[in-house]
């Protein structure tokens, strides 16, 4: 990556998040999508069902991507349990 693209925000930060782990849970698909932020992994994920999706980001940060993905899956399950279909409104 060039100096100018780093300076003006180009490169990895603008790339599409990659799915680290996926879980089918109570009819929903939960995908952990941690991303690098300040040298650590930021907790993020996506919940999908019937063509609808809900994206979530939490303040939690981790040094290990797999640990972050595990917690993202757990947070996704909690969102499904607490909100269900209401998360799509």
C-alpha atoms as a PDB file:
ATOM      1  CA  UNK A   1       0.000   0.000   0.000  1.00  0.00           C
ATOM      2  CA  UNK A   2       1.368   3.404  -0.924  1.00  0.00           C
ATOM      3  CA  UNK A   3       2.017   6.270   1.429  1.00  0.00           C
ATOM      4  CA  UNK A   4      -0.795   8.349  -0.130  1.00  0.00           C
ATOM      5  CA  UNK A   5      -3.471   5.661   0.160  1.00  0.00           C
ATOM      6  CA  UNK A   6      -2.560   5.143   3.827  1.00  0.00           C
ATOM      7  CA  UNK A   7      -2.675   8.874   4.414  1.00  0.00           C
ATOM      8  CA  UNK A   8      -6.083   9.339   2.801  1.00  0.00           C
ATOM      9  CA  UNK A   9      -7.771   6.220   4.161  1.00  0.00           C
ATOM     10  CA  UNK A  10      -7.413   3.811   1.267  1.00  0.00           C
ATOM     11  CA  UNK A  11      -6.598   0.128   1.507  1.00  0.00           C
ATOM     12  CA  UNK A  12      -7.648  -2.445   4.092  1.00  0.00           C
ATOM     13  CA  UNK A  13     -10.017  -0.225   6.062  1.00  0.00           C
ATOM     14  CA  UNK A  14     -12.212   0.268   2.997  1.00  0.00           C
ATOM     15  CA  UNK A  15     -12.247  -3.388   1.978  1.00  0.00           C
ATOM     16  CA  UNK A  16     -15.240  -5.648   2.421  1.00  0.00           C
ATOM     17  CA  UNK A  17     -15.243  -7.384   5.816  1.00  0.00           C
ATOM     18  CA  UNK A  18     -14.454 -11.072   5.724  1.00  0.00           C
ATOM     19  CA  UNK A  19     -16.516 -13.652   7.543  1.00  0.00           C
ATOM     20  CA  UNK A  20     -14.471 -15.377  10.250  1.00  0.00           C
ATOM     21  CA  UNK A  21     -17.149 -17.797  11.510  1.00  0.00           C
ATOM     22  CA  UNK A  22     -20.777 -18.644  10.743  1.00  0.00           C
ATOM     23  CA  UNK A  23     -23.466 -20.260  12.862  1.00  0.00           C
ATOM     24  CA  UNK A  24     -27.037 -21.272  12.047  1.00  0.00           C
ATOM     25  CA  UNK A  25     -29.098 -20.478  15.142  1.00  0.00           C
ATOM     26  CA  UNK A  26     -32.903 -20.671  15.553  1.00  0.00           C
ATOM     27  CA  UNK A  27     -33.462 -20.073  11.838  1.00  0.00           C
ATOM     28  CA  UNK A  28     -30.974 -17.188  11.632  1.00  0.00           C
ATOM     29  CA  UNK A  29     -27.513 -17.137  10.101  1.00  0.00           C
ATOM     30  CA  UNK A  30     -24.983 -15.360  12.331  1.00  0.00           C
ATOM     31  CA  UNK A  31     -21.699 -14.300  10.734  1.00  0.00           C
ATOM     32  CA  UNK A  32     -18.742 -12.959  12.711  1.00  0.00           C
ATOM     33  CA  UNK A  33     -16.958 -10.209  10.750  1.00  0.00           C
ATOM     34  CA  UNK A  34     -14.195  -8.822  12.989  1.00  0.00           C
ATOM     35  CA  UNK A  35     -12.093  -6.050  11.480  1.00  0.00           C
ATOM     36  CA  UNK A  36      -8.741  -4.485  12.334  1.00  0.00           C
ATOM     37  CA  UNK A  37      -8.974  -1.221  14.255  1.00  0.00           C
ATOM     38  CA  UNK A  38      -5.970   0.377  15.904  1.00  0.00           C
ATOM     39  CA  UNK A  39      -3.926  -2.831  15.880  1.00  0.00           C
ATOM     40  CA  UNK A  40      -6.681  -4.920  17.478  1.00  0.00           C
ATOM     41  CA  UNK A  41      -9.750  -6.787  16.252  1.00  0.00           C
ATOM     42  CA  UNK A  42     -13.071  -4.936  16.611  1.00  0.00           C
ATOM     43  CA  UNK A  43     -16.141  -7.062  17.324  1.00  0.00           C
ATOM     44  CA  UNK A  44     -18.632  -6.978  14.441  1.00  0.00           C
ATOM     45  CA  UNK A  45     -21.079  -9.293  12.783  1.00  0.00           C
ATOM     46  CA  UNK A  46     -24.173  -9.769  10.694  1.00  0.00           C
ATOM     47  CA  UNK A  47     -27.436 -11.633  11.293  1.00  0.00           C
ATOM     48  CA  UNK A  48     -29.478 -12.782   8.283  1.00  0.00           C
ATOM     49  CA  UNK A  49     -32.887 -14.352   7.775  1.00  0.00           C
ATOM     50  CA  UNK A  50     -35.223 -14.469   4.776  1.00  0.00           C
ATOM     51  CA  UNK A  51     -33.284 -11.892   2.758  1.00  0.00           C
ATOM     52  CA  UNK A  52     -33.106  -9.411   5.657  1.00  0.00           C
ATOM     53  CA  UNK A  53     -29.943  -8.569   7.530  1.00  0.00           C
ATOM     54  CA  UNK A  54     -28.883  -6.749  10.672  1.00  0.00           C
ATOM     55  CA  UNK A  55     -25.296  -5.554  11.063  1.00  0.00           C
ATOM     56  CA  UNK A  56     -23.850  -5.001  14.536  1.00  0.00           C
ATOM     57  CA  UNK A  57     -20.623  -3.501  15.866  1.00  0.00           C
ATOM     58  CA  UNK A  58     -19.619  -3.501  19.532  1.00  0.00           C
ATOM     59  CA  UNK A  59     -16.903  -1.579  21.370  1.00  0.00           C
ATOM     60  CA  UNK A  60     -15.137  -4.795  22.406  1.00  0.00           C
ATOM     61  CA  UNK A  61     -11.626  -5.241  21.012  1.00  0.00           C
ATOM     62  CA  UNK A  62      -9.407  -8.316  21.032  1.00  0.00           C
ATOM     63  CA  UNK A  63      -5.821  -9.135  20.203  1.00  0.00           C
ATOM     64  CA  UNK A  64      -6.826 -12.488  18.634  1.00  0.00           C
ATOM     65  CA  UNK A  65      -9.179 -12.666  15.616  1.00  0.00           C
ATOM     66  CA  UNK A  66     -10.585 -16.083  16.555  1.00  0.00           C
ATOM     67  CA  UNK A  67     -11.425 -14.939  20.098  1.00  0.00           C
ATOM     68  CA  UNK A  68     -13.162 -11.889  18.638  1.00  0.00           C
ATOM     69  CA  UNK A  69     -15.143 -14.090  16.226  1.00  0.00           C
ATOM     70  CA  UNK A  70     -16.252 -16.405  19.046  1.00  0.00           C
ATOM     71  CA  UNK A  71     -17.573 -13.480  21.078  1.00  0.00           C
ATOM     72  CA  UNK A  72     -19.264 -11.994  17.982  1.00  0.00           C
ATOM     73  CA  UNK A  73     -21.156 -15.262  17.475  1.00  0.00           C
ATOM     74  CA  UNK A  74     -22.214 -15.233  21.152  1.00  0.00           C
ATOM     75  CA  UNK A  75     -23.355 -11.583  20.853  1.00  0.00           C
ATOM     76  CA  UNK A  76     -25.299 -12.498  17.722  1.00  0.00           C
ATOM     77  CA  UNK A  77     -27.083 -15.290  19.586  1.00  0.00           C
ATOM     78  CA  UNK A  78     -27.946 -12.852  22.373  1.00  0.00           C
ATOM     79  CA  UNK A  79     -29.377 -10.370  19.849  1.00  0.00           C
ATOM     80  CA  UNK A  80     -31.501 -13.126  18.294  1.00  0.00           C
ATOM     81  CA  UNK A  81     -32.740 -14.241  21.714  1.00  0.00           C
ATOM     82  CA  UNK A  82     -33.560 -10.713  22.890  1.00  0.00           C
ATOM     83  CA  UNK A  83     -34.911  -9.102  19.717  1.00  0.00           C
ATOM     84  CA  UNK A  84     -35.886 -11.821  17.272  1.00  0.00           C
ATOM     85  CA  UNK A  85     -37.660 -10.369  14.197  1.00  0.00           C
ATOM     86  CA  UNK A  86     -37.750  -6.884  15.787  1.00  0.00           C
ATOM     87  CA  UNK A  87     -34.060  -6.394  14.917  1.00  0.00           C
ATOM     88  CA  UNK A  88     -35.054  -5.899  11.269  1.00  0.00           C
ATOM     89  CA  UNK A  89     -37.433  -2.974  11.951  1.00  0.00           C
END
